[in-house]
Amino acid sequence: NIITDIPPLMISEDFHYLVLGNKKTVYDYVFVGIANNNSIL
């Protein structure tokens, strides 16, 4: 249930701008499933 082999998405974020100007720019952004499984099926 931990999916890593997914292509980049065309949507965008500004999350990483909190650190882009810093000496340390280590970050990770995770997508979390929120859809009811029955609605998916």
Full PDB file with SEQRES, HELIX, SHEET, SSBOND, CRYST1, ORIGX, SCALE, CONECT and MASTER records, all heavy atoms in Angstrom:
SEQRES   1 A   41  ASN ILE ILE THR ASP ILE PRO PRO LEU MET ILE SER GLU          
SEQRES   2 A   41  ASP PHE HIS TYR LEU VAL LEU GLY ASN LYS LYS THR VAL          
SEQRES   3 A   41  TYR ASP TYR VAL PHE VAL GLY ILE ALA ASN ASN ASN SER          
SEQRES   4 A   41  ILE LEU                                                      
HELIX    1 AA1 PHE A   15  LEU A   18  5                                   4    
HELIX    2 AA2 ASN A   37  ILE A   40  1                                   4    
CRYST1    1.000    1.000    1.000  90.00  90.00  90.00 P 1           1          
ORIGX1      1.000000  0.000000  0.000000        0.00000                         
ORIGX2      0.000000  1.000000  0.000000        0.00000                         
ORIGX3      0.000000  0.000000  1.000000        0.00000                         
SCALE1      1.000000  0.000000  0.000000        0.00000                         
SCALE2      0.000000  1.000000  0.000000        0.00000                         
SCALE3      0.000000  0.000000  1.000000        0.00000                         
ATOM      1  N   ASN A   1       0.804  -1.222   0.000  1.00  0.00           N  
ATOM      2  CA  ASN A   1       0.000   0.000   0.000  1.00  0.00           C  
ATOM      3  C   ASN A   1       0.835   1.269   0.000  1.00  0.00           C  
ATOM      4  O   ASN A   1       0.296   2.375   0.079  1.00  0.00           O  
ATOM      5  CB  ASN A   1      -0.945   0.018   1.205  1.00  0.00           C  
ATOM      6  CG  ASN A   1      -2.054  -1.006   1.074  1.00  0.00           C  
ATOM      7  OD1 ASN A   1      -2.603  -1.191  -0.012  1.00  0.00           O  
ATOM      8  ND2 ASN A   1      -2.375  -1.684   2.167  1.00  0.00           N  
ATOM      9  N   ILE A   2       2.147   1.120  -0.080  1.00  0.00           N  
ATOM     10  CA  ILE A   2       3.051   2.265  -0.186  1.00  0.00           C  
ATOM     11  C   ILE A   2       3.553   2.312  -1.626  1.00  0.00           C  
ATOM     12  O   ILE A   2       4.435   1.555  -2.025  1.00  0.00           O  
ATOM     13  CB  ILE A   2       4.218   2.141   0.814  1.00  0.00           C  
ATOM     14  CG1 ILE A   2       3.665   2.079   2.240  1.00  0.00           C  
ATOM     15  CG2 ILE A   2       5.176   3.319   0.662  1.00  0.00           C  
ATOM     16  CD1 ILE A   2       4.701   1.744   3.293  1.00  0.00           C  
ATOM     17  N   ILE A   3       2.962   3.189  -2.420  1.00  0.00           N  
ATOM     18  CA  ILE A   3       3.222   3.231  -3.859  1.00  0.00           C  
ATOM     19  C   ILE A   3       4.369   4.199  -4.144  1.00  0.00           C  
ATOM     20  O   ILE A   3       4.304   5.377  -3.778  1.00  0.00           O  
ATOM     21  CB  ILE A   3       1.962   3.672  -4.637  1.00  0.00           C  
ATOM     22  CG1 ILE A   3       0.715   2.935  -4.122  1.00  0.00           C  
ATOM     23  CG2 ILE A   3       2.165   3.469  -6.127  1.00  0.00           C  
ATOM     24  CD1 ILE A   3       0.776   1.446  -4.212  1.00  0.00           C  
ATOM     25  N   THR A   4       5.413   3.694  -4.767  1.00  0.00           N  
ATOM     26  CA  THR A   4       6.580   4.546  -5.058  1.00  0.00           C  
ATOM     27  C   THR A   4       6.834   4.715  -6.555  1.00  0.00           C  
ATOM     28  O   THR A   4       7.483   5.674  -6.967  1.00  0.00           O  
ATOM     29  CB  THR A   4       7.844   3.952  -4.412  1.00  0.00           C  
ATOM     30  OG1 THR A   4       8.070   2.636  -4.934  1.00  0.00           O  
ATOM     31  CG2 THR A   4       7.695   3.860  -2.897  1.00  0.00           C  
ATOM     32  N   ASP A   5       6.327   3.786  -7.370  1.00  0.00           N  
ATOM     33  CA  ASP A   5       6.624   3.816  -8.810  1.00  0.00           C  
ATOM     34  C   ASP A   5       5.510   4.532  -9.578  1.00  0.00           C  
ATOM     35  O   ASP A   5       4.843   3.952 -10.425  1.00  0.00           O  
ATOM     36  CB  ASP A   5       6.820   2.403  -9.347  1.00  0.00           C  
ATOM     37  CG  ASP A   5       5.617   1.504  -9.086  1.00  0.00           C  
ATOM     38  OD1 ASP A   5       4.789   1.837  -8.224  1.00  0.00           O  
ATOM     39  OD2 ASP A   5       5.499   0.466  -9.765  1.00  0.00           O  
ATOM     40  N   ILE A   6       5.324   5.791  -9.259  1.00  0.00           N  
ATOM     41  CA  ILE A   6       4.290   6.584  -9.923  1.00  0.00           C  
ATOM     42  C   ILE A   6       4.955   7.748 -10.663  1.00  0.00           C  
ATOM     43  O   ILE A   6       5.939   8.324 -10.188  1.00  0.00           O  
ATOM     44  CB  ILE A   6       3.263   7.144  -8.910  1.00  0.00           C  
ATOM     45  CG1 ILE A   6       3.979   7.827  -7.742  1.00  0.00           C  
ATOM     46  CG2 ILE A   6       2.341   6.052  -8.411  1.00  0.00           C  
ATOM     47  CD1 ILE A   6       3.058   8.548  -6.793  1.00  0.00           C  
ATOM     48  N   PRO A   7       4.437   8.093 -11.843  1.00  0.00           N  
ATOM     49  CA  PRO A   7       5.020   9.222 -12.582  1.00  0.00           C  
ATOM     50  C   PRO A   7       4.717  10.539 -11.882  1.00  0.00           C  
ATOM     51  O   PRO A   7       3.767  10.624 -11.088  1.00  0.00           O  
ATOM     52  CB  PRO A   7       4.321   9.148 -13.938  1.00  0.00           C  
ATOM     53  CG  PRO A   7       3.018   8.465 -13.657  1.00  0.00           C  
ATOM     54  CD  PRO A   7       3.305   7.483 -12.557  1.00  0.00           C  
ATOM     55  N   PRO A   8       5.494  11.572 -12.150  1.00  0.00           N  
ATOM     56  CA  PRO A   8       5.206  12.897 -11.571  1.00  0.00           C  
ATOM     57  C   PRO A   8       3.824  13.390 -12.005  1.00  0.00           C  
ATOM     58  O   PRO A   8       3.335  13.050 -13.090  1.00  0.00           O  
ATOM     59  CB  PRO A   8       6.315  13.782 -12.148  1.00  0.00           C  
ATOM     60  CG  PRO A   8       7.387  12.849 -12.565  1.00  0.00           C  
ATOM     61  CD  PRO A   8       6.701  11.584 -12.983  1.00  0.00           C  
ATOM     62  N   LEU A   9       3.210  14.171 -11.147  1.00  0.00           N  
ATOM     63  CA  LEU A   9       1.892  14.740 -11.427  1.00  0.00           C  
ATOM     64  C   LEU A   9       2.051  16.157 -11.965  1.00  0.00           C  
ATOM     65  O   LEU A   9       2.999  16.868 -11.629  1.00  0.00           O  
ATOM     66  CB  LEU A   9       1.043  14.763 -10.158  1.00  0.00           C  
ATOM     67  CG  LEU A   9       0.795  13.401  -9.496  1.00  0.00           C  
ATOM     68  CD1 LEU A   9       0.093  13.589  -8.159  1.00  0.00           C  
ATOM     69  CD2 LEU A   9      -0.013  12.494 -10.401  1.00  0.00           C  
ATOM     70  N   MET A  10       1.091  16.576 -12.787  1.00  0.00           N  
ATOM     71  CA  MET A  10       1.140  17.924 -13.351  1.00  0.00           C  
ATOM     72  C   MET A  10       0.583  18.982 -12.402  1.00  0.00           C  
ATOM     73  O   MET A  10       0.647  20.175 -12.696  1.00  0.00           O  
ATOM     74  CB  MET A  10       0.385  17.975 -14.680  1.00  0.00           C  
ATOM     75  CG  MET A  10       1.034  17.155 -15.788  1.00  0.00           C  
ATOM     76  SD  MET A  10       2.792  17.503 -16.042  1.00  0.00           S  
ATOM     77  CE  MET A  10       2.753  19.206 -16.585  1.00  0.00           C  
ATOM     78  N   ILE A  11       0.026  18.559 -11.271  1.00  0.00           N  
ATOM     79  CA  ILE A  11      -0.395  19.530 -10.270  1.00  0.00           C  
ATOM     80  C   ILE A  11       0.842  20.117  -9.598  1.00  0.00           C  
ATOM     81  O   ILE A  11       1.949  19.579  -9.737  1.00  0.00           O  
ATOM     82  CB  ILE A  11      -1.336  18.898  -9.236  1.00  0.00           C  
ATOM     83  CG1 ILE A  11      -0.668  17.687  -8.556  1.00  0.00           C  
ATOM     84  CG2 ILE A  11      -2.656  18.503  -9.887  1.00  0.00           C  
ATOM     85  CD1 ILE A  11      -1.511  17.047  -7.491  1.00  0.00           C  
ATOM     86  N   SER A  12       0.669  21.207  -8.866  1.00  0.00           N  
ATOM     87  CA  SER A  12       1.825  21.925  -8.308  1.00  0.00           C  
ATOM     88  C   SER A  12       1.604  22.276  -6.848  1.00  0.00           C  
ATOM     89  O   SER A  12       0.479  22.231  -6.345  1.00  0.00           O  
ATOM     90  CB  SER A  12       2.105  23.196  -9.122  1.00  0.00           C  
ATOM     91  OG  SER A  12       2.344  22.886 -10.470  1.00  0.00           O  
ATOM     92  N   GLU A  13       2.671  22.626  -6.188  1.00  0.00           N  
ATOM     93  CA  GLU A  13       2.688  22.953  -4.767  1.00  0.00           C  
ATOM     94  C   GLU A  13       3.682  24.069  -4.498  1.00  0.00           C  
ATOM     95  O   GLU A  13       4.619  24.263  -5.272  1.00  0.00           O  
ATOM     96  CB  GLU A  13       3.117  21.723  -3.949  1.00  0.00           C  
ATOM     97  CG  GLU A  13       1.997  21.013  -3.225  1.00  0.00           C  
ATOM     98  CD  GLU A  13       1.461  21.786  -2.039  1.00  0.00           C  
ATOM     99  OE1 GLU A  13       2.110  22.760  -1.593  1.00  0.00           O  
ATOM    100  OE2 GLU A  13       0.372  21.425  -1.554  1.00  0.00           O  
ATOM    101  N   ASP A  14       3.463  24.770  -3.372  1.00  0.00           N  
ATOM    102  CA  ASP A  14       4.478  25.737  -2.933  1.00  0.00           C  
ATOM    103  C   ASP A  14       5.096  25.315  -1.602  1.00  0.00           C  
ATOM    104  O   ASP A  14       5.900  26.047  -1.021  1.00  0.00           O  
ATOM    105  CB  ASP A  14       3.894  27.142  -2.838  1.00  0.00           C  
ATOM    106  CG  ASP A  14       2.883  27.299  -1.705  1.00  0.00           C  
ATOM    107  OD1 ASP A  14       2.399  26.273  -1.176  1.00  0.00           O  
ATOM    108  OD2 ASP A  14       2.558  28.449  -1.354  1.00  0.00           O  
ATOM    109  N   PHE A  15       4.757  24.125  -1.118  1.00  0.00           N  
ATOM    110  CA  PHE A  15       5.248  23.551   0.140  1.00  0.00           C  
ATOM    111  C   PHE A  15       6.750  23.720   0.308  1.00  0.00           C  
ATOM    112  O   PHE A  15       7.259  24.167   1.337  1.00  0.00           O  
ATOM    113  CB  PHE A  15       4.819  22.076   0.145  1.00  0.00           C  
ATOM    114  CG  PHE A  15       5.675  21.123   0.914  1.00  0.00           C  
ATOM    115  CD1 PHE A  15       5.476  20.928   2.259  1.00  0.00           C  
ATOM    116  CD2 PHE A  15       6.650  20.357   0.267  1.00  0.00           C  
ATOM    117  CE1 PHE A  15       6.240  20.002   2.973  1.00  0.00           C  
ATOM    118  CE2 PHE A  15       7.417  19.439   0.958  1.00  0.00           C  
ATOM    119  CZ  PHE A  15       7.213  19.270   2.316  1.00  0.00           C  
ATOM    120  N   HIS A  16       7.517  23.362  -0.743  1.00  0.00           N  
ATOM    121  CA  HIS A  16       8.973  23.343  -0.654  1.00  0.00           C  
ATOM    122  C   HIS A  16       9.592  24.735  -0.579  1.00  0.00           C  
ATOM    123  O   HIS A  16      10.772  24.873  -0.251  1.00  0.00           O  
ATOM    124  CB  HIS A  16       9.571  22.568  -1.823  1.00  0.00           C  
ATOM    125  CG  HIS A  16       9.023  22.928  -3.159  1.00  0.00           C  
ATOM    126  ND1 HIS A  16       7.682  23.109  -3.414  1.00  0.00           N  
ATOM    127  CD2 HIS A  16       9.635  23.137  -4.371  1.00  0.00           C  
ATOM    128  CE1 HIS A  16       7.499  23.411  -4.680  1.00  0.00           C  
ATOM    129  NE2 HIS A  16       8.655  23.446  -5.276  1.00  0.00           N  
ATOM    130  N   TYR A  17       8.805  25.770  -0.873  1.00  0.00           N  
ATOM    131  CA  TYR A  17       9.328  27.128  -0.777  1.00  0.00           C  
ATOM    132  C   TYR A  17       9.590  27.546   0.668  1.00  0.00           C  
ATOM    133  O   TYR A  17      10.243  28.564   0.919  1.00  0.00           O  
ATOM    134  CB  TYR A  17       8.389  28.118  -1.465  1.00  0.00           C  
ATOM    135  CG  TYR A  17       8.676  28.221  -2.951  1.00  0.00           C  
ATOM    136  CD1 TYR A  17       8.216  27.262  -3.831  1.00  0.00           C  
ATOM    137  CD2 TYR A  17       9.462  29.246  -3.467  1.00  0.00           C  
ATOM    138  CE1 TYR A  17       8.502  27.316  -5.190  1.00  0.00           C  
ATOM    139  CE2 TYR A  17       9.756  29.320  -4.823  1.00  0.00           C  
ATOM    140  CZ  TYR A  17       9.278  28.349  -5.676  1.00  0.00           C  
ATOM    141  OH  TYR A  17       9.575  28.407  -7.010  1.00  0.00           O  
ATOM    142  N   LEU A  18       9.127  26.765   1.629  1.00  0.00           N  
ATOM    143  CA  LEU A  18       9.457  27.036   3.023  1.00  0.00           C  
ATOM    144  C   LEU A  18      10.936  26.824   3.308  1.00  0.00           C  
ATOM    145  O   LEU A  18      11.469  27.352   4.285  1.00  0.00           O  
ATOM    146  CB  LEU A  18       8.619  26.147   3.950  1.00  0.00           C  
ATOM    147  CG  LEU A  18       7.125  26.477   4.035  1.00  0.00           C  
ATOM    148  CD1 LEU A  18       6.388  25.418   4.832  1.00  0.00           C  
ATOM    149  CD2 LEU A  18       6.902  27.860   4.647  1.00  0.00           C  
ATOM    150  N   VAL A  19      11.626  26.040   2.445  1.00  0.00           N  
ATOM    151  CA  VAL A  19      13.040  25.744   2.696  1.00  0.00           C  
ATOM    152  C   VAL A  19      13.958  26.003   1.502  1.00  0.00           C  
ATOM    153  O   VAL A  19      15.176  25.869   1.633  1.00  0.00           O  
ATOM    154  CB  VAL A  19      13.227  24.271   3.152  1.00  0.00           C  
ATOM    155  CG1 VAL A  19      12.525  24.027   4.476  1.00  0.00           C  
ATOM    156  CG2 VAL A  19      12.732  23.294   2.086  1.00  0.00           C  
ATOM    157  N   LEU A  20      13.423  26.369   0.348  1.00  0.00           N  
ATOM    158  CA  LEU A  20      14.261  26.460  -0.846  1.00  0.00           C  
ATOM    159  C   LEU A  20      15.412  27.450  -0.715  1.00  0.00           C  
ATOM    160  O   LEU A  20      16.447  27.276  -1.326  1.00  0.00           O  
ATOM    161  CB  LEU A  20      13.410  26.809  -2.075  1.00  0.00           C  
ATOM    162  CG  LEU A  20      12.646  25.647  -2.715  1.00  0.00           C  
ATOM    163  CD1 LEU A  20      12.026  26.085  -4.027  1.00  0.00           C  
ATOM    164  CD2 LEU A  20      13.543  24.441  -2.958  1.00  0.00           C  
ATOM    165  N   GLY A  21      15.263  28.479   0.064  1.00  0.00           N  
ATOM    166  CA  GLY A  21      16.345  29.447   0.209  1.00  0.00           C  
ATOM    167  C   GLY A  21      17.315  29.112   1.320  1.00  0.00           C  
ATOM    168  O   GLY A  21      18.282  29.852   1.557  1.00  0.00           O  
ATOM    169  N   ASN A  22      17.108  27.997   2.017  1.00  0.00           N  
ATOM    170  CA  ASN A  22      17.937  27.635   3.162  1.00  0.00           C  
ATOM    171  C   ASN A  22      19.126  26.772   2.755  1.00  0.00           C  
ATOM    172  O   ASN A  22      19.161  26.226   1.651  1.00  0.00           O  
ATOM    173  CB  ASN A  22      17.096  26.871   4.197  1.00  0.00           C  
ATOM    174  CG  ASN A  22      15.923  27.673   4.705  1.00  0.00           C  
ATOM    175  OD1 ASN A  22      15.885  28.893   4.552  1.00  0.00           O  
ATOM    176  ND2 ASN A  22      14.960  27.000   5.303  1.00  0.00           N  
ATOM    177  N   LYS A  23      20.082  26.631   3.671  1.00  0.00           N  
ATOM    178  CA  LYS A  23      21.224  25.757   3.415  1.00  0.00           C  
ATOM    179  C   LYS A  23      20.776  24.303   3.332  1.00  0.00           C  
ATOM    180  O   LYS A  23      21.331  23.512   2.578  1.00  0.00           O  
ATOM    181  CB  LYS A  23      22.277  25.926   4.519  1.00  0.00           C  
ATOM    182  CG  LYS A  23      22.972  27.280   4.493  1.00  0.00           C  
ATOM    183  CD  LYS A  23      24.020  27.374   5.590  1.00  0.00           C  
ATOM    184  CE  LYS A  23      24.727  28.723   5.558  1.00  0.00           C  
ATOM    185  NZ  LYS A  23      25.724  28.845   6.645  1.00  0.00           N  
ATOM    186  N   LYS A  24      19.767  23.964   4.144  1.00  0.00           N  
ATOM    187  CA  LYS A  24      19.218  22.605   4.127  1.00  0.00           C  
ATOM    188  C   LYS A  24      17.866  22.644   3.425  1.00  0.00           C  
ATOM    189  O   LYS A  24      16.978  23.390   3.820  1.00  0.00           O  
ATOM    190  CB  LYS A  24      19.067  22.071   5.549  1.00  0.00           C  
ATOM    191  CG  LYS A  24      20.390  21.933   6.288  1.00  0.00           C  
ATOM    192  CD  LYS A  24      20.181  21.451   7.712  1.00  0.00           C  
ATOM    193  CE  LYS A  24      21.497  21.340   8.456  1.00  0.00           C  
ATOM    194  NZ  LYS A  24      21.309  20.927   9.865  1.00  0.00           N  
ATOM    195  N   THR A  25      17.725  21.835   2.391  1.00  0.00           N  
ATOM    196  CA  THR A  25      16.468  21.822   1.636  1.00  0.00           C  
ATOM    197  C   THR A  25      15.948  20.392   1.503  1.00  0.00           C  
ATOM    198  O   THR A  25      15.471  19.988   0.450  1.00  0.00           O  
ATOM    199  CB  THR A  25      16.657  22.440   0.244  1.00  0.00           C  
ATOM    200  OG1 THR A  25      17.676  21.705  -0.452  1.00  0.00           O  
ATOM    201  CG2 THR A  25      17.064  23.896   0.335  1.00  0.00           C  
ATOM    202  N   VAL A  26      16.063  19.638   2.572  1.00  0.00           N  
ATOM    203  CA  VAL A  26      15.649  18.233   2.552  1.00  0.00           C  
ATOM    204  C   VAL A  26      14.163  18.153   2.870  1.00  0.00           C  
ATOM    205  O   VAL A  26      13.721  18.564   3.939  1.00  0.00           O  
ATOM    206  CB  VAL A  26      16.462  17.404   3.568  1.00  0.00           C  
ATOM    207  CG1 VAL A  26      16.005  15.950   3.561  1.00  0.00           C  
ATOM    208  CG2 VAL A  26      17.953  17.503   3.262  1.00  0.00           C  
ATOM    209  N   TYR A  27      13.387  17.590   1.921  1.00  0.00           N  
ATOM    210  CA  TYR A  27      11.946  17.522   2.159  1.00  0.00           C  
ATOM    211  C   TYR A  27      11.335  16.296   1.499  1.00  0.00           C  
ATOM    212  O   TYR A  27      11.909  15.698   0.580  1.00  0.00           O  
ATOM    213  CB  TYR A  27      11.246  18.795   1.682  1.00  0.00           C  
ATOM    214  CG  TYR A  27      11.384  19.105   0.203  1.00  0.00           C  
ATOM    215  CD1 TYR A  27      10.565  18.487  -0.743  1.00  0.00           C  
ATOM    216  CD2 TYR A  27      12.323  20.025  -0.255  1.00  0.00           C  
ATOM    217  CE1 TYR A  27      10.674  18.776  -2.094  1.00  0.00           C  
ATOM    218  CE2 TYR A  27      12.443  20.326  -1.607  1.00  0.00           C  
ATOM    219  CZ  TYR A  27      11.611  19.703  -2.519  1.00  0.00           C  
ATOM    220  OH  TYR A  27      11.719  19.992  -3.861  1.00  0.00           O  
ATOM    221  N   ASP A  28      10.148  15.941   1.983  1.00  0.00           N  
ATOM    222  CA  ASP A  28       9.381  14.833   1.418  1.00  0.00           C  
ATOM    223  C   ASP A  28       7.904  15.171   1.511  1.00  0.00           C  
ATOM    224  O   ASP A  28       7.428  15.640   2.550  1.00  0.00           O  
ATOM    225  CB  ASP A  28       9.672  13.534   2.180  1.00  0.00           C  
ATOM    226  CG  ASP A  28       8.988  12.338   1.540  1.00  0.00           C  
ATOM    227  OD1 ASP A  28       9.042  12.215   0.306  1.00  0.00           O  
ATOM    228  OD2 ASP A  28       8.398  11.520   2.283  1.00  0.00           O  
ATOM    229  N   TYR A  29       7.191  14.938   0.403  1.00  0.00           N  
ATOM    230  CA  TYR A  29       5.767  15.269   0.333  1.00  0.00           C  
ATOM    231  C   TYR A  29       5.001  14.023  -0.087  1.00  0.00           C  
ATOM    232  O   TYR A  29       5.278  13.439  -1.135  1.00  0.00           O  
ATOM    233  CB  TYR A  29       5.554  16.401  -0.666  1.00  0.00           C  
ATOM    234  CG  TYR A  29       4.253  17.141  -0.497  1.00  0.00           C  
ATOM    235  CD1 TYR A  29       3.994  17.876   0.647  1.00  0.00           C  
ATOM    236  CD2 TYR A  29       3.287  17.115  -1.491  1.00  0.00           C  
ATOM    237  CE1 TYR A  29       2.816  18.576   0.809  1.00  0.00           C  
ATOM    238  CE2 TYR A  29       2.101  17.818  -1.346  1.00  0.00           C  
ATOM    239  CZ  TYR A  29       1.867  18.541  -0.194  1.00  0.00           C  
ATOM    240  OH  TYR A  29       0.696  19.238  -0.038  1.00  0.00           O  
ATOM    241  N   VAL A  30       4.057  13.614   0.744  1.00  0.00           N  
ATOM    242  CA  VAL A  30       3.375  12.331   0.593  1.00  0.00           C  
ATOM    243  C   VAL A  30       1.905  12.547   0.235  1.00  0.00           C  
ATOM    244  O   VAL A  30       1.234  13.405   0.819  1.00  0.00           O  
ATOM    245  CB  VAL A  30       3.472  11.513   1.901  1.00  0.00           C  
ATOM    246  CG1 VAL A  30       2.696  10.209   1.790  1.00  0.00           C  
ATOM    247  CG2 VAL A  30       4.929  11.238   2.249  1.00  0.00           C  
ATOM    248  N   PHE A  31       1.398  11.756  -0.696  1.00  0.00           N  
ATOM    249  CA  PHE A  31      -0.032  11.756  -1.011  1.00  0.00           C  
ATOM    250  C   PHE A  31      -0.713  10.635  -0.234  1.00  0.00           C  
ATOM    251  O   PHE A  31      -0.255   9.492  -0.250  1.00  0.00           O  
ATOM    252  CB  PHE A  31      -0.258  11.565  -2.506  1.00  0.00           C  
ATOM    253  CG  PHE A  31       0.094  12.779  -3.316  1.00  0.00           C  
ATOM    254  CD1 PHE A  31       1.302  12.850  -4.000  1.00  0.00           C  
ATOM    255  CD2 PHE A  31      -0.769  13.868  -3.383  1.00  0.00           C  
ATOM    256  CE1 PHE A  31       1.636  13.975  -4.735  1.00  0.00           C  
ATOM    257  CE2 PHE A  31      -0.437  14.993  -4.112  1.00  0.00           C  
ATOM    258  CZ  PHE A  31       0.765  15.046  -4.787  1.00  0.00           C  
ATOM    259  N   VAL A  32      -1.810  10.990   0.426  1.00  0.00           N  
ATOM    260  CA  VAL A  32      -2.519  10.057   1.305  1.00  0.00           C  
ATOM    261  C   VAL A  32      -3.914   9.789   0.745  1.00  0.00           C  
ATOM    262  O   VAL A  32      -4.673  10.728   0.469  1.00  0.00           O  
ATOM    263  CB  VAL A  32      -2.625  10.641   2.735  1.00  0.00           C  
ATOM    264  CG1 VAL A  32      -3.419   9.703   3.640  1.00  0.00           C  
ATOM    265  CG2 VAL A  32      -1.233  10.894   3.312  1.00  0.00           C  
ATOM    266  N   GLY A  33      -4.255   8.514   0.598  1.00  0.00           N  
ATOM    267  CA  GLY A  33      -5.562   8.145   0.074  1.00  0.00           C  
ATOM    268  C   GLY A  33      -6.688   8.522   1.022  1.00  0.00           C  
ATOM    269  O   GLY A  33      -6.598   8.276   2.234  1.00  0.00           O  
ATOM    270  N   ILE A  34      -7.755   9.098   0.474  1.00  0.00           N  
ATOM    271  CA  ILE A  34      -8.878   9.545   1.305  1.00  0.00           C  
ATOM    272  C   ILE A  34     -10.229   9.103   0.744  1.00  0.00           C  
ATOM    273  O   ILE A  34     -11.276   9.499   1.262  1.00  0.00           O  
ATOM    274  CB  ILE A  34      -8.869  11.085   1.473  1.00  0.00           C  
ATOM    275  CG1 ILE A  34      -8.757  11.824   0.118  1.00  0.00           C  
ATOM    276  CG2 ILE A  34      -7.730  11.516   2.390  1.00  0.00           C  
ATOM    277  CD1 ILE A  34      -9.986  11.939  -0.691  1.00  0.00           C  
ATOM    278  N   ALA A  35     -10.230   8.278  -0.299  1.00  0.00           N  
ATOM    279  CA  ALA A  35     -11.484   7.878  -0.928  1.00  0.00           C  
ATOM    280  C   ALA A  35     -12.001   6.573  -0.337  1.00  0.00           C  
ATOM    281  O   ALA A  35     -11.226   5.636  -0.096  1.00  0.00           O  
ATOM    282  CB  ALA A  35     -11.303   7.733  -2.434  1.00  0.00           C  
ATOM    283  N   ASN A  36     -13.299   6.517  -0.108  1.00  0.00           N  
ATOM    284  CA  ASN A  36     -13.940   5.300   0.353  1.00  0.00           C  
ATOM    285  C   ASN A  36     -13.707   4.178  -0.650  1.00  0.00           C  
ATOM    286  O   ASN A  36     -13.857   4.377  -1.858  1.00  0.00           O  
ATOM    287  CB  ASN A  36     -15.438   5.566   0.529  1.00  0.00           C  
ATOM    288  CG  ASN A  36     -16.189   4.341   0.983  1.00  0.00           C  
ATOM    289  OD1 ASN A  36     -16.515   3.480   0.185  1.00  0.00           O  
ATOM    290  ND2 ASN A  36     -16.469   4.284   2.273  1.00  0.00           N  
ATOM    291  N   ASN A  37     -13.334   3.002  -0.156  1.00  0.00           N  
ATOM    292  CA  ASN A  37     -12.976   1.916  -1.061  1.00  0.00           C  
ATOM    293  C   ASN A  37     -14.144   1.503  -1.959  1.00  0.00           C  
ATOM    294  O   ASN A  37     -13.957   1.154  -3.132  1.00  0.00           O  
ATOM    295  CB  ASN A  37     -12.473   0.707  -0.269  1.00  0.00           C  
ATOM    296  CG  ASN A  37     -11.773  -0.310  -1.154  1.00  0.00           C  
ATOM    297  OD1 ASN A  37     -10.837   0.026  -1.863  1.00  0.00           O  
ATOM    298  ND2 ASN A  37     -12.235  -1.550  -1.125  1.00  0.00           N  
ATOM    299  N   ASN A  38     -15.367   1.540  -1.435  1.00  0.00           N  
ATOM    300  CA  ASN A  38     -16.532   1.184  -2.252  1.00  0.00           C  
ATOM    301  C   ASN A  38     -16.719   2.162  -3.406  1.00  0.00           C  
ATOM    302  O   ASN A  38     -17.092   1.765  -4.514  1.00  0.00           O  
ATOM    303  CB  ASN A  38     -17.788   1.128  -1.386  1.00  0.00           C  
ATOM    304  CG  ASN A  38     -17.795  -0.071  -0.458  1.00  0.00           C  
ATOM    305  OD1 ASN A  38     -17.195  -1.103  -0.755  1.00  0.00           O  
ATOM    306  ND2 ASN A  38     -18.476   0.054   0.668  1.00  0.00           N  
ATOM    307  N   SER A  39     -16.464   3.440  -3.134  1.00  0.00           N  
ATOM    308  CA  SER A  39     -16.599   4.436  -4.201  1.00  0.00           C  
ATOM    309  C   SER A  39     -15.519   4.241  -5.260  1.00  0.00           C  
ATOM    310  O   SER A  39     -15.750   4.475  -6.451  1.00  0.00           O  
ATOM    311  CB  SER A  39     -16.542   5.860  -3.632  1.00  0.00           C  
ATOM    312  OG  SER A  39     -15.250   6.162  -3.126  1.00  0.00           O  
ATOM    313  N   ILE A  40     -14.339   3.785  -4.833  1.00  0.00           N  
ATOM    314  CA  ILE A  40     -13.266   3.465  -5.783  1.00  0.00           C  
ATOM    315  C   ILE A  40     -13.701   2.314  -6.696  1.00  0.00           C  
ATOM    316  O   ILE A  40     -13.566   2.372  -7.925  1.00  0.00           O  
ATOM    317  CB  ILE A  40     -11.969   3.067  -5.045  1.00  0.00           C  
ATOM    318  CG1 ILE A  40     -11.374   4.275  -4.298  1.00  0.00           C  
ATOM    319  CG2 ILE A  40     -10.954   2.476  -6.014  1.00  0.00           C  
ATOM    320  CD1 ILE A  40     -10.582   5.222  -5.122  1.00  0.00           C  
ATOM    321  N   LEU A  41     -14.261   1.243  -6.097  1.00  0.00           N  
ATOM    322  CA  LEU A  41     -14.695   0.075  -6.867  1.00  0.00           C  
ATOM    323  C   LEU A  41     -15.805   0.445  -7.848  1.00  0.00           C  
ATOM    324  O   LEU A  41     -15.799   0.009  -9.003  1.00  0.00           O  
ATOM    325  CB  LEU A  41     -15.167  -1.026  -5.913  1.00  0.00           C  
ATOM    326  CG  LEU A  41     -14.093  -1.658  -5.015  1.00  0.00           C  
ATOM    327  CD1 LEU A  41     -14.717  -2.631  -4.024  1.00  0.00           C  
ATOM    328  CD2 LEU A  41     -13.022  -2.345  -5.848  1.00  0.00           C  
TER     329      LEU A  41                                                      
MASTER        0    0    0    2    0    0    0    6  328    1    0    4          
END                                                                             
